C-alpha cells in the first residue's frame, strides 16, 4: 500500500473556485483510495482554514506532508499555483515519482504492488 500526495491549486480570490479546487482534489483522492492505496489530500485536511495562519505556513506544512509520501499526483491547472509548483520541485529533488494524471499513477501503483509481492 502506497501513500500518494495529491498536489494542486487550492487558493483563489473566489470562494467558489476554492470549492471547485477542493472537489477536484477530492475526486482524485477517492480514486486513489478506490485503488487500495492511501491518498493524502491537503485540500481536505485544511479545507476553508483561511485566516488561521499565513499562506507561507500552509505551504511549509504541505511540503512536510508531501515529503512523507511515496509519490505525488498533480491536479490540472497547477501551473499558476506557487504551492503546487514548489511541491513538484521538492518531490523531484527527493527523487519521488510525480504523475500528472491518474492513469500514469495507477500504472505505477500496479507495478509497485507487483514488486512488493
PDB file of N, CA and C in Angstrom:
ATOM      1  N   UNK A   1       0.859  -1.181   0.000  1.00  0.00           N
ATOM      2  CA  UNK A   1       0.000   0.000   0.000  1.00  0.00           C
ATOM      3  C   UNK A   1       0.901   1.239   0.000  1.00  0.00           C
ATOM      4  N   UNK A   2       0.656   2.113  -0.952  1.00  0.00           N
ATOM      5  CA  UNK A   2       1.440   3.338  -1.084  1.00  0.00           C
ATOM      6  C   UNK A   2       0.625   4.546  -0.631  1.00  0.00           C
ATOM      7  N   UNK A   3       1.341   5.567  -0.158  1.00  0.00           N
ATOM      8  CA  UNK A   3       0.711   6.829   0.238  1.00  0.00           C
ATOM      9  C   UNK A   3       0.990   7.839  -0.874  1.00  0.00           C
ATOM     10  N   UNK A   4      -0.077   8.376  -1.442  1.00  0.00           N
ATOM     11  CA  UNK A   4       0.024   9.282  -2.577  1.00  0.00           C
ATOM     12  C   UNK A   4      -0.426  10.672  -2.146  1.00  0.00           C
ATOM     13  N   UNK A   5       0.426  11.640  -2.400  1.00  0.00           N
ATOM     14  CA  UNK A   5       0.132  13.034  -2.080  1.00  0.00           C
ATOM     15  C   UNK A   5      -0.591  13.670  -3.259  1.00  0.00           C
ATOM     16  N   UNK A   6      -1.706  14.322  -2.994  1.00  0.00           N
ATOM     17  CA  UNK A   6      -2.493  14.998  -4.024  1.00  0.00           C
ATOM     18  C   UNK A   6      -2.090  16.472  -4.025  1.00  0.00           C
ATOM     19  N   UNK A   7      -1.416  16.893  -5.089  1.00  0.00           N
ATOM     20  CA  UNK A   7      -0.918  18.270  -5.199  1.00  0.00           C
ATOM     21  C   UNK A   7      -1.729  19.024  -6.241  1.00  0.00           C
ATOM     22  N   UNK A   8      -2.147  20.217  -5.884  1.00  0.00           N
ATOM     23  CA  UNK A   8      -2.884  21.017  -6.856  1.00  0.00           C
ATOM     24  C   UNK A   8      -3.300  22.339  -6.268  1.00  0.00           C
ATOM     25  N   UNK A   9      -3.824  23.199  -7.101  1.00  0.00           N
ATOM     26  CA  UNK A   9      -4.219  24.526  -6.627  1.00  0.00           C
ATOM     27  C   UNK A   9      -5.309  24.453  -5.570  1.00  0.00           C
ATOM     28  N   UNK A  10      -5.201  25.326  -4.602  1.00  0.00           N
ATOM     29  CA  UNK A  10      -6.230  25.463  -3.564  1.00  0.00           C
ATOM     30  C   UNK A  10      -6.747  26.899  -3.535  1.00  0.00           C
ATOM     31  N   UNK A  11      -5.837  27.850  -3.327  1.00  0.00           N
ATOM     32  CA  UNK A  11      -6.223  29.242  -3.102  1.00  0.00           C
ATOM     33  C   UNK A  11      -6.850  29.891  -4.331  1.00  0.00           C
ATOM     34  N   UNK A  12      -7.704  30.852  -4.057  1.00  0.00           N
ATOM     35  CA  UNK A  12      -8.337  31.669  -5.087  1.00  0.00           C
ATOM     36  C   UNK A  12      -8.959  32.873  -4.393  1.00  0.00           C
ATOM     37  N   UNK A  13      -9.107  33.975  -5.105  1.00  0.00           N
ATOM     38  CA  UNK A  13      -9.835  35.100  -4.507  1.00  0.00           C
ATOM     39  C   UNK A  13     -11.335  34.824  -4.419  1.00  0.00           C
ATOM     40  N   UNK A  14     -11.784  33.749  -5.064  1.00  0.00           N
ATOM     41  CA  UNK A  14     -13.214  33.431  -5.114  1.00  0.00           C
ATOM     42  C   UNK A  14     -13.505  32.141  -4.354  1.00  0.00           C
ATOM     43  N   UNK A  15     -14.415  32.214  -3.414  1.00  0.00           N
ATOM     44  CA  UNK A  15     -14.767  31.046  -2.600  1.00  0.00           C
ATOM     45  C   UNK A  15     -15.237  29.899  -3.477  1.00  0.00           C
ATOM     46  N   UNK A  16     -16.013  30.216  -4.506  1.00  0.00           N
ATOM     47  CA  UNK A  16     -16.500  29.156  -5.380  1.00  0.00           C
ATOM     48  C   UNK A  16     -15.343  28.426  -6.057  1.00  0.00           C
ATOM     49  N   UNK A  17     -14.294  29.142  -6.453  1.00  0.00           N
ATOM     50  CA  UNK A  17     -13.132  28.499  -7.088  1.00  0.00           C
ATOM     51  C   UNK A  17     -12.385  27.629  -6.077  1.00  0.00           C
ATOM     52  N   UNK A  18     -12.288  28.083  -4.840  1.00  0.00           N
ATOM     53  CA  UNK A  18     -11.678  27.239  -3.799  1.00  0.00           C
ATOM     54  C   UNK A  18     -12.477  25.944  -3.679  1.00  0.00           C
ATOM     55  N   UNK A  19     -13.794  26.064  -3.650  1.00  0.00           N
ATOM     56  CA  UNK A  19     -14.656  24.875  -3.547  1.00  0.00           C
ATOM     57  C   UNK A  19     -14.424  23.945  -4.730  1.00  0.00           C
ATOM     58  N   UNK A  20     -14.319  24.497  -5.935  1.00  0.00           N
ATOM     59  CA  UNK A  20     -14.054  23.666  -7.112  1.00  0.00           C
ATOM     60  C   UNK A  20     -12.698  22.973  -6.999  1.00  0.00           C
ATOM     61  N   UNK A  21     -11.685  23.691  -6.531  1.00  0.00           N
ATOM     62  CA  UNK A  21     -10.363  23.086  -6.359  1.00  0.00           C
ATOM     63  C   UNK A  21     -10.420  21.935  -5.355  1.00  0.00           C
ATOM     64  N   UNK A  22     -11.149  22.120  -4.289  1.00  0.00           N
ATOM     65  CA  UNK A  22     -11.298  21.057  -3.284  1.00  0.00           C
ATOM     66  C   UNK A  22     -11.993  19.846  -3.889  1.00  0.00           C
ATOM     67  N   UNK A  23     -13.009  20.070  -4.683  1.00  0.00           N
ATOM     68  CA  UNK A  23     -13.752  18.961  -5.278  1.00  0.00           C
ATOM     69  C   UNK A  23     -12.900  18.158  -6.259  1.00  0.00           C
ATOM     70  N   UNK A  24     -12.085  18.828  -7.045  1.00  0.00           N
ATOM     71  CA  UNK A  24     -11.189  18.119  -7.963  1.00  0.00           C
ATOM     72  C   UNK A  24     -10.204  17.268  -7.155  1.00  0.00           C
ATOM     73  N   UNK A  25      -9.630  17.838  -6.109  1.00  0.00           N
ATOM     74  CA  UNK A  25      -8.700  17.096  -5.257  1.00  0.00           C
ATOM     75  C   UNK A  25      -9.400  15.909  -4.598  1.00  0.00           C
ATOM     76  N   UNK A  26     -10.610  16.115  -4.149  1.00  0.00           N
ATOM     77  CA  UNK A  26     -11.388  15.047  -3.510  1.00  0.00           C
ATOM     78  C   UNK A  26     -11.625  13.898  -4.483  1.00  0.00           C
ATOM     79  N   UNK A  27     -11.958  14.227  -5.722  1.00  0.00           N
ATOM     80  CA  UNK A  27     -12.193  13.179  -6.730  1.00  0.00           C
ATOM     81  C   UNK A  27     -10.929  12.354  -6.954  1.00  0.00           C
ATOM     82  N   UNK A  28      -9.778  13.007  -7.022  1.00  0.00           N
ATOM     83  CA  UNK A  28      -8.515  12.277  -7.180  1.00  0.00           C
ATOM     84  C   UNK A  28      -8.260  11.403  -5.957  1.00  0.00           C
ATOM     85  N   UNK A  29      -8.474  11.958  -4.766  1.00  0.00           N
ATOM     86  CA  UNK A  29      -8.248  11.201  -3.537  1.00  0.00           C
ATOM     87  C   UNK A  29      -9.151   9.965  -3.476  1.00  0.00           C
ATOM     88  N   UNK A  30     -10.406  10.129  -3.834  1.00  0.00           N
ATOM     89  CA  UNK A  30     -11.329   8.988  -3.836  1.00  0.00           C
ATOM     90  C   UNK A  30     -10.871   7.900  -4.803  1.00  0.00           C
ATOM     91  N   UNK A  31     -10.397   8.304  -5.969  1.00  0.00           N
ATOM     92  CA  UNK A  31      -9.915   7.326  -6.950  1.00  0.00           C
ATOM     93  C   UNK A  31      -8.717   6.546  -6.407  1.00  0.00           C
ATOM     94  N   UNK A  32      -7.836   7.241  -5.707  1.00  0.00           N
ATOM     95  CA  UNK A  32      -6.658   6.577  -5.129  1.00  0.00           C
ATOM     96  C   UNK A  32      -7.070   5.594  -4.037  1.00  0.00           C
ATOM     97  N   UNK A  33      -7.934   6.027  -3.136  1.00  0.00           N
ATOM     98  CA  UNK A  33      -8.438   5.123  -2.094  1.00  0.00           C
ATOM     99  C   UNK A  33      -9.135   3.921  -2.727  1.00  0.00           C
ATOM    100  N   UNK A  34      -9.872   4.165  -3.801  1.00  0.00           N
ATOM    101  CA  UNK A  34     -10.599   3.099  -4.502  1.00  0.00           C
ATOM    102  C   UNK A  34      -9.657   2.053  -5.088  1.00  0.00           C
ATOM    103  N   UNK A  35      -8.420   2.451  -5.372  1.00  0.00           N
ATOM    104  CA  UNK A  35      -7.422   1.527  -5.906  1.00  0.00           C
ATOM    105  C   UNK A  35      -6.689   0.768  -4.792  1.00  0.00           C
ATOM    106  N   UNK A  36      -7.063   1.027  -3.544  1.00  0.00           N
ATOM    107  CA  UNK A  36      -6.459   0.309  -2.427  1.00  0.00           C
ATOM    108  C   UNK A  36      -5.223   0.970  -1.850  1.00  0.00           C
ATOM    109  N   UNK A  37      -5.053   2.244  -2.142  1.00  0.00           N
ATOM    110  CA  UNK A  37      -3.906   2.978  -1.614  1.00  0.00           C
ATOM    111  C   UNK A  37      -4.396   4.138  -0.763  1.00  0.00           C
ATOM    112  N   UNK A  38      -3.469   4.864  -0.168  1.00  0.00           N
ATOM    113  CA  UNK A  38      -3.814   5.962   0.729  1.00  0.00           C
ATOM    114  C   UNK A  38      -3.587   7.287   0.003  1.00  0.00           C
ATOM    115  N   UNK A  39      -4.585   8.135   0.034  1.00  0.00           N
ATOM    116  CA  UNK A  39      -4.446   9.477  -0.531  1.00  0.00           C
ATOM    117  C   UNK A  39      -4.270  10.465   0.609  1.00  0.00           C
ATOM    118  N   UNK A  40      -3.216  11.249   0.537  1.00  0.00           N
ATOM    119  CA  UNK A  40      -3.039  12.345   1.470  1.00  0.00           C
ATOM    120  C   UNK A  40      -3.419  13.610   0.698  1.00  0.00           C
ATOM    121  N   UNK A  41      -4.546  14.174   1.062  1.00  0.00           N
ATOM    122  CA  UNK A  41      -5.126  15.284   0.309  1.00  0.00           C
ATOM    123  C   UNK A  41      -5.200  16.529   1.197  1.00  0.00           C
ATOM    124  N   UNK A  42      -4.212  17.425   1.097  1.00  0.00           N
ATOM    125  CA  UNK A  42      -4.200  18.595   1.967  1.00  0.00           C
ATOM    126  C   UNK A  42      -5.406  19.512   1.764  1.00  0.00           C
ATOM    127  N   UNK A  43      -6.013  19.461   0.594  1.00  0.00           N
ATOM    128  CA  UNK A  43      -7.206  20.273   0.329  1.00  0.00           C
ATOM    129  C   UNK A  43      -8.309  19.946   1.332  1.00  0.00           C
ATOM    130  N   UNK A  44      -8.427  18.669   1.659  1.00  0.00           N
ATOM    131  CA  UNK A  44      -9.454  18.237   2.604  1.00  0.00           C
ATOM    132  C   UNK A  44      -8.982  18.392   4.048  1.00  0.00           C
ATOM    133  N   UNK A  45      -7.688  18.290   4.250  1.00  0.00           N
ATOM    134  CA  UNK A  45      -7.127  18.392   5.592  1.00  0.00           C
ATOM    135  C   UNK A  45      -7.286  19.790   6.194  1.00  0.00           C
ATOM    136  N   UNK A  46      -7.210  20.805   5.322  1.00  0.00           N
ATOM    137  CA  UNK A  46      -7.292  22.178   5.833  1.00  0.00           C
ATOM    138  C   UNK A  46      -8.356  22.985   5.087  1.00  0.00           C
ATOM    139  N   UNK A  47      -9.415  22.327   4.736  1.00  0.00           N
ATOM    140  CA  UNK A  47     -10.492  22.939   3.962  1.00  0.00           C
ATOM    141  C   UNK A  47     -11.074  24.162   4.667  1.00  0.00           C
ATOM    142  N   UNK A  48     -11.013  25.308   3.999  1.00  0.00           N
ATOM    143  CA  UNK A  48     -11.544  26.581   4.492  1.00  0.00           C
ATOM    144  C   UNK A  48     -10.932  27.010   5.828  1.00  0.00           C
ATOM    145  N   UNK A  49      -9.641  26.756   5.992  1.00  0.00           N
ATOM    146  CA  UNK A  49      -8.913  27.210   7.174  1.00  0.00           C
ATOM    147  C   UNK A  49      -8.305  28.589   6.966  1.00  0.00           C
ATOM    148  N   UNK A  50      -8.640  29.271   5.884  1.00  0.00           N
ATOM    149  CA  UNK A  50      -8.056  30.575   5.597  1.00  0.00           C
ATOM    150  C   UNK A  50      -8.146  31.473   6.826  1.00  0.00           C
ATOM    151  N   UNK A  51      -7.066  32.229   7.039  1.00  0.00           N
ATOM    152  CA  UNK A  51      -7.052  33.208   8.116  1.00  0.00           C
ATOM    153  C   UNK A  51      -6.505  32.704   9.430  1.00  0.00           C
ATOM    154  N   UNK A  52      -6.313  31.384   9.594  1.00  0.00           N
ATOM    155  CA  UNK A  52      -5.796  30.903  10.877  1.00  0.00           C
ATOM    156  C   UNK A  52      -4.279  31.000  10.960  1.00  0.00           C
ATOM    157  N   UNK A  53      -3.633  31.081   9.796  1.00  0.00           N
ATOM    158  CA  UNK A  53      -2.184  31.254   9.727  1.00  0.00           C
ATOM    159  C   UNK A  53      -1.857  31.860   8.367  1.00  0.00           C
ATOM    160  N   UNK A  54      -0.605  32.005   8.082  1.00  0.00           N
ATOM    161  CA  UNK A  54      -0.204  32.631   6.825  1.00  0.00           C
ATOM    162  C   UNK A  54      -0.198  31.618   5.676  1.00  0.00           C
ATOM    163  N   UNK A  55      -0.354  32.092   4.438  1.00  0.00           N
ATOM    164  CA  UNK A  55      -0.218  31.180   3.300  1.00  0.00           C
ATOM    165  C   UNK A  55       1.141  30.473   3.301  1.00  0.00           C
ATOM    166  N   UNK A  56       2.204  31.178   3.700  1.00  0.00           N
ATOM    167  CA  UNK A  56       3.532  30.555   3.747  1.00  0.00           C
ATOM    168  C   UNK A  56       3.548  29.372   4.714  1.00  0.00           C
ATOM    169  N   UNK A  57       2.888  29.503   5.859  1.00  0.00           N
ATOM    170  CA  UNK A  57       2.846  28.401   6.827  1.00  0.00           C
ATOM    171  C   UNK A  57       2.130  27.179   6.239  1.00  0.00           C
ATOM    172  N   UNK A  58       1.058  27.415   5.504  1.00  0.00           N
ATOM    173  CA  UNK A  58       0.370  26.297   4.849  1.00  0.00           C
ATOM    174  C   UNK A  58       1.282  25.630   3.832  1.00  0.00           C
ATOM    175  N   UNK A  59       2.007  26.437   3.053  1.00  0.00           N
ATOM    176  CA  UNK A  59       2.915  25.875   2.045  1.00  0.00           C
ATOM    177  C   UNK A  59       4.007  25.048   2.723  1.00  0.00           C
ATOM    178  N   UNK A  60       4.590  25.551   3.799  1.00  0.00           N
ATOM    179  CA  UNK A  60       5.608  24.788   4.525  1.00  0.00           C
ATOM    180  C   UNK A  60       5.028  23.497   5.093  1.00  0.00           C
ATOM    181  N   UNK A  61       3.827  23.573   5.615  1.00  0.00           N
ATOM    182  CA  UNK A  61       3.182  22.384   6.176  1.00  0.00           C
ATOM    183  C   UNK A  61       2.867  21.333   5.133  1.00  0.00           C
ATOM    184  N   UNK A  62       2.360  21.776   3.991  1.00  0.00           N
ATOM    185  CA  UNK A  62       2.023  20.798   2.953  1.00  0.00           C
ATOM    186  C   UNK A  62       3.288  20.192   2.341  1.00  0.00           C
ATOM    187  N   UNK A  63       4.362  20.970   2.271  1.00  0.00           N
ATOM    188  CA  UNK A  63       5.630  20.395   1.812  1.00  0.00           C
ATOM    189  C   UNK A  63       6.083  19.278   2.742  1.00  0.00           C
ATOM    190  N   UNK A  64       5.922  19.490   4.038  1.00  0.00           N
ATOM    191  CA  UNK A  64       6.311  18.454   5.002  1.00  0.00           C
ATOM    192  C   UNK A  64       5.458  17.198   4.830  1.00  0.00           C
ATOM    193  N   UNK A  65       4.161  17.373   4.608  1.00  0.00           N
ATOM    194  CA  UNK A  65       3.294  16.217   4.354  1.00  0.00           C
ATOM    195  C   UNK A  65       3.742  15.463   3.096  1.00  0.00           C
ATOM    196  N   UNK A  66       4.024  16.214   2.029  1.00  0.00           N
ATOM    197  CA  UNK A  66       4.431  15.597   0.776  1.00  0.00           C
ATOM    198  C   UNK A  66       5.715  14.788   0.947  1.00  0.00           C
ATOM    199  N   UNK A  67       6.636  15.286   1.739  1.00  0.00           N
ATOM    200  CA  UNK A  67       7.911  14.579   1.944  1.00  0.00           C
ATOM    201  C   UNK A  67       7.706  13.189   2.536  1.00  0.00           C
ATOM    202  N   UNK A  68       6.618  12.977   3.211  1.00  0.00           N
ATOM    203  CA  UNK A  68       6.362  11.706   3.890  1.00  0.00           C
ATOM    204  C   UNK A  68       5.602  10.705   3.019  1.00  0.00           C
ATOM    205  N   UNK A  69       5.316  11.081   1.781  1.00  0.00           N
ATOM    206  CA  UNK A  69       4.548  10.230   0.871  1.00  0.00           C
ATOM    207  C   UNK A  69       5.468   9.483  -0.093  1.00  0.00           C
ATOM    208  N   UNK A  70       4.897   8.465  -0.727  1.00  0.00           N
ATOM    209  CA  UNK A  70       5.654   7.655  -1.683  1.00  0.00           C
ATOM    210  C   UNK A  70       5.698   8.264  -3.073  1.00  0.00           C
ATOM    211  N   UNK A  71       4.664   9.000  -3.439  1.00  0.00           N
ATOM    212  CA  UNK A  71       4.589   9.589  -4.777  1.00  0.00           C
ATOM    213  C   UNK A  71       3.633  10.771  -4.724  1.00  0.00           C
ATOM    214  N   UNK A  72       3.627  11.540  -5.822  1.00  0.00           N
ATOM    215  CA  UNK A  72       2.785  12.727  -5.925  1.00  0.00           C
ATOM    216  C   UNK A  72       1.974  12.642  -7.202  1.00  0.00           C
ATOM    217  N   UNK A  73       0.691  12.964  -7.099  1.00  0.00           N
ATOM    218  CA  UNK A  73      -0.134  13.134  -8.295  1.00  0.00           C
ATOM    219  C   UNK A  73      -0.558  14.599  -8.337  1.00  0.00           C
ATOM    220  N   UNK A  74      -0.462  15.186  -9.519  1.00  0.00           N
ATOM    221  CA  UNK A  74      -0.683  16.615  -9.691  1.00  0.00           C
ATOM    222  C   UNK A  74      -2.018  16.846 -10.396  1.00  0.00           C
ATOM    223  N   UNK A  75      -2.800  17.755  -9.842  1.00  0.00           N
ATOM    224  CA  UNK A  75      -4.105  18.089 -10.405  1.00  0.00           C
ATOM    225  C   UNK A  75      -3.966  19.025 -11.600  1.00  0.00           C
ATOM    226  N   UNK A  76      -4.989  19.078 -12.443  1.00  0.00           N
ATOM    227  CA  UNK A  76      -4.970  20.027 -13.561  1.00  0.00           C
ATOM    228  C   UNK A  76      -4.892  21.474 -13.050  1.00  0.00           C
ATOM    229  N   UNK A  77      -4.442  22.354 -13.928  1.00  0.00           N
ATOM    230  CA  UNK A  77      -4.377  23.799 -13.665  1.00  0.00           C
ATOM    231  C   UNK A  77      -3.410  24.132 -12.517  1.00  0.00           C
ATOM    232  N   UNK A  78      -2.346  23.385 -12.394  1.00  0.00           N
ATOM    233  CA  UNK A  78      -1.390  23.605 -11.311  1.00  0.00           C
ATOM    234  C   UNK A  78      -0.371  24.693 -11.624  1.00  0.00           C
ATOM    235  N   UNK A  79      -0.234  25.064 -12.884  1.00  0.00           N
ATOM    236  CA  UNK A  79       0.883  25.893 -13.336  1.00  0.00           C
ATOM    237  C   UNK A  79       1.005  27.231 -12.603  1.00  0.00           C
ATOM    238  N   UNK A  80      -0.111  27.820 -12.205  1.00  0.00           N
ATOM    239  CA  UNK A  80      -0.074  29.120 -11.526  1.00  0.00           C
ATOM    240  C   UNK A  80      -0.172  29.010 -10.011  1.00  0.00           C
ATOM    241  N   UNK A  81      -0.044  27.809  -9.498  1.00  0.00           N
ATOM    242  CA  UNK A  81      -0.115  27.588  -8.057  1.00  0.00           C
ATOM    243  C   UNK A  81       1.297  27.534  -7.476  1.00  0.00           C
ATOM    244  N   UNK A  82       1.672  28.568  -6.746  1.00  0.00           N
ATOM    245  CA  UNK A  82       3.004  28.637  -6.144  1.00  0.00           C
ATOM    246  C   UNK A  82       3.281  27.403  -5.285  1.00  0.00           C
ATOM    247  N   UNK A  83       2.300  27.017  -4.486  1.00  0.00           N
ATOM    248  CA  UNK A  83       2.477  25.865  -3.606  1.00  0.00           C
ATOM    249  C   UNK A  83       2.694  24.576  -4.382  1.00  0.00           C
ATOM    250  N   UNK A  84       1.883  24.361  -5.407  1.00  0.00           N
ATOM    251  CA  UNK A  84       1.996  23.124  -6.188  1.00  0.00           C
ATOM    252  C   UNK A  84       3.311  23.062  -6.946  1.00  0.00           C
ATOM    253  N   UNK A  85       3.704  24.160  -7.549  1.00  0.00           N
ATOM    254  CA  UNK A  85       4.982  24.186  -8.269  1.00  0.00           C
ATOM    255  C   UNK A  85       6.127  23.856  -7.307  1.00  0.00           C
ATOM    256  N   UNK A  86       6.070  24.397  -6.098  1.00  0.00           N
ATOM    257  CA  UNK A  86       7.087  24.092  -5.097  1.00  0.00           C
ATOM    258  C   UNK A  86       7.060  22.635  -4.663  1.00  0.00           C
ATOM    259  N   UNK A  87       5.860  22.066  -4.532  1.00  0.00           N
ATOM    260  CA  UNK A  87       5.743  20.652  -4.153  1.00  0.00           C
ATOM    261  C   UNK A  87       6.334  19.750  -5.232  1.00  0.00           C
ATOM    262  N   UNK A  88       6.069  20.077  -6.489  1.00  0.00           N
ATOM    263  CA  UNK A  88       6.619  19.284  -7.587  1.00  0.00           C
ATOM    264  C   UNK A  88       8.148  19.354  -7.568  1.00  0.00           C
ATOM    265  N   UNK A  89       8.690  20.549  -7.424  1.00  0.00           N
ATOM    266  CA  UNK A  89      10.146  20.708  -7.401  1.00  0.00           C
ATOM    267  C   UNK A  89      10.768  19.931  -6.248  1.00  0.00           C
ATOM    268  N   UNK A  90      10.153  20.004  -5.085  1.00  0.00           N
ATOM    269  CA  UNK A  90      10.687  19.294  -3.916  1.00  0.00           C
ATOM    270  C   UNK A  90      10.578  17.781  -4.096  1.00  0.00           C
ATOM    271  N   UNK A  91       9.470  17.313  -4.638  1.00  0.00           N
ATOM    272  CA  UNK A  91       9.311  15.877  -4.876  1.00  0.00           C
ATOM    273  C   UNK A  91      10.388  15.379  -5.845  1.00  0.00           C
ATOM    274  N   UNK A  92      10.615  16.129  -6.903  1.00  0.00           N
ATOM    275  CA  UNK A  92      11.643  15.730  -7.867  1.00  0.00           C
ATOM    276  C   UNK A  92      13.023  15.765  -7.228  1.00  0.00           C
ATOM    277  N   UNK A  93      13.283  16.786  -6.416  1.00  0.00           N
ATOM    278  CA  UNK A  93      14.572  16.873  -5.722  1.00  0.00           C
ATOM    279  C   UNK A  93      14.808  15.653  -4.849  1.00  0.00           C
ATOM    280  N   UNK A  94      13.739  15.158  -4.229  1.00  0.00           N
ATOM    281  CA  UNK A  94      13.834  13.995  -3.345  1.00  0.00           C
ATOM    282  C   UNK A  94      13.790  12.669  -4.102  1.00  0.00           C
ATOM    283  N   UNK A  95      13.570  12.724  -5.413  1.00  0.00           N
ATOM    284  CA  UNK A  95      13.509  11.505  -6.217  1.00  0.00           C
ATOM    285  C   UNK A  95      12.170  10.785  -6.144  1.00  0.00           C
ATOM    286  N   UNK A  96      11.144  11.491  -5.708  1.00  0.00           N
ATOM    287  CA  UNK A  96       9.812  10.878  -5.638  1.00  0.00           C
ATOM    288  C   UNK A  96       9.155  10.910  -7.018  1.00  0.00           C
ATOM    289  N   UNK A  97       8.433   9.868  -7.378  1.00  0.00           N
ATOM    290  CA  UNK A  97       7.709   9.895  -8.647  1.00  0.00           C
ATOM    291  C   UNK A  97       6.614  10.958  -8.617  1.00  0.00           C
ATOM    292  N   UNK A  98       6.481  11.687  -9.721  1.00  0.00           N
ATOM    293  CA  UNK A  98       5.457  12.718  -9.870  1.00  0.00           C
ATOM    294  C   UNK A  98       4.648  12.375 -11.114  1.00  0.00           C
ATOM    295  N   UNK A  99       3.324  12.313 -10.951  1.00  0.00           N
ATOM    296  CA  UNK A  99       2.431  11.952 -12.051  1.00  0.00           C
ATOM    297  C   UNK A  99       1.458  13.089 -12.312  1.00  0.00           C
ATOM    298  N   UNK A 100       1.163  13.299 -13.587  1.00  0.00           N
ATOM    299  CA  UNK A 100       0.286  14.395 -13.972  1.00  0.00           C
ATOM    300  C   UNK A 100      -1.089  13.913 -14.425  1.00  0.00           C
ATOM    301  N   UNK A 101      -1.363  12.623 -14.200  1.00  0.00           N
ATOM    302  CA  UNK A 101      -2.712  12.096 -14.408  1.00  0.00           C
ATOM    303  C   UNK A 101      -2.848  10.777 -13.660  1.00  0.00           C
ATOM    304  N   UNK A 102      -4.090  10.405 -13.430  1.00  0.00           N
ATOM    305  CA  UNK A 102      -4.352   9.192 -12.649  1.00  0.00           C
ATOM    306  C   UNK A 102      -3.960   7.926 -13.389  1.00  0.00           C
ATOM    307  N   UNK A 103      -4.103   7.911 -14.705  1.00  0.00           N
ATOM    308  CA  UNK A 103      -3.774   6.698 -15.464  1.00  0.00           C
ATOM    309  C   UNK A 103      -2.305   6.315 -15.261  1.00  0.00           C
ATOM    310  N   UNK A 104      -1.401   7.286 -15.391  1.00  0.00           N
ATOM    311  CA  UNK A 104       0.026   7.003 -15.184  1.00  0.00           C
ATOM    312  C   UNK A 104       0.304   6.596 -13.740  1.00  0.00           C
ATOM    313  N   UNK A 105      -0.355   7.256 -12.800  1.00  0.00           N
ATOM    314  CA  UNK A 105      -0.190   6.887 -11.395  1.00  0.00           C
ATOM    315  C   UNK A 105      -0.612   5.443 -11.164  1.00  0.00           C
ATOM    316  N   UNK A 106      -1.765   5.057 -11.710  1.00  0.00           N
ATOM    317  CA  UNK A 106      -2.270   3.701 -11.471  1.00  0.00           C
ATOM    318  C   UNK A 106      -1.387   2.637 -12.114  1.00  0.00           C
ATOM    319  N   UNK A 107      -0.808   2.943 -13.264  1.00  0.00           N
ATOM    320  CA  UNK A 107       0.146   2.006 -13.877  1.00  0.00           C
ATOM    321  C   UNK A 107       1.341   1.825 -12.945  1.00  0.00           C
ATOM    322  N   UNK A 108       1.859   2.932 -12.410  1.00  0.00           N
ATOM    323  CA  UNK A 108       2.986   2.856 -11.488  1.00  0.00           C
ATOM    324  C   UNK A 108       2.605   2.088 -10.218  1.00  0.00           C
ATOM    325  N   UNK A 109       1.434   2.377  -9.676  1.00  0.00           N
ATOM    326  CA  UNK A 109       0.996   1.681  -8.464  1.00  0.00           C
ATOM    327  C   UNK A 109       0.895   0.179  -8.701  1.00  0.00           C
ATOM    328  N   UNK A 110       0.385  -0.216  -9.845  1.00  0.00           N
ATOM    329  CA  UNK A 110       0.276  -1.643 -10.174  1.00  0.00           C
ATOM    330  C   UNK A 110       1.667  -2.267 -10.233  1.00  0.00           C
ATOM    331  N   UNK A 111       2.620  -1.570 -10.826  1.00  0.00           N
ATOM    332  CA  UNK A 111       3.986  -2.113 -10.902  1.00  0.00           C
ATOM    333  C   UNK A 111       4.604  -2.214  -9.510  1.00  0.00           C
ATOM    334  N   UNK A 112       4.286  -1.289  -8.633  1.00  0.00           N
ATOM    335  CA  UNK A 112       4.807  -1.329  -7.273  1.00  0.00           C
ATOM    336  C   UNK A 112       4.194  -2.456  -6.472  1.00  0.00           C
ATOM    337  N   UNK A 113       2.910  -2.685  -6.679  1.00  0.00           N
ATOM    338  CA  UNK A 113       2.215  -3.779  -5.991  1.00  0.00           C
ATOM    339  C   UNK A 113       2.799  -5.107  -6.411  1.00  0.00           C
ATOM    340  N   UNK A 114       3.095  -5.265  -7.710  1.00  0.00           N
ATOM    341  CA  UNK A 114       3.691  -6.498  -8.221  1.00  0.00           C
ATOM    342  C   UNK A 114       5.072  -6.693  -7.621  1.00  0.00           C
ATOM    343  N   UNK A 115       5.860  -5.628  -7.496  1.00  0.00           N
ATOM    344  CA  UNK A 115       7.198  -5.722  -6.928  1.00  0.00           C
ATOM    345  C   UNK A 115       7.169  -6.066  -5.445  1.00  0.00           C
ATOM    346  N   UNK A 116       6.134  -5.590  -4.738  1.00  0.00           N
ATOM    347  CA  UNK A 116       6.033  -5.822  -3.302  1.00  0.00           C
ATOM    348  C   UNK A 116       5.636  -7.259  -2.967  1.00  0.00           C
ATOM    349  N   UNK A 117       5.114  -7.994  -3.941  1.00  0.00           N
ATOM    350  CA  UNK A 117       4.632  -9.360  -3.655  1.00  0.00           C
ATOM    351  C   UNK A 117       5.742 -10.375  -3.716  1.00  0.00           C
TER     352      UNK A 117
END
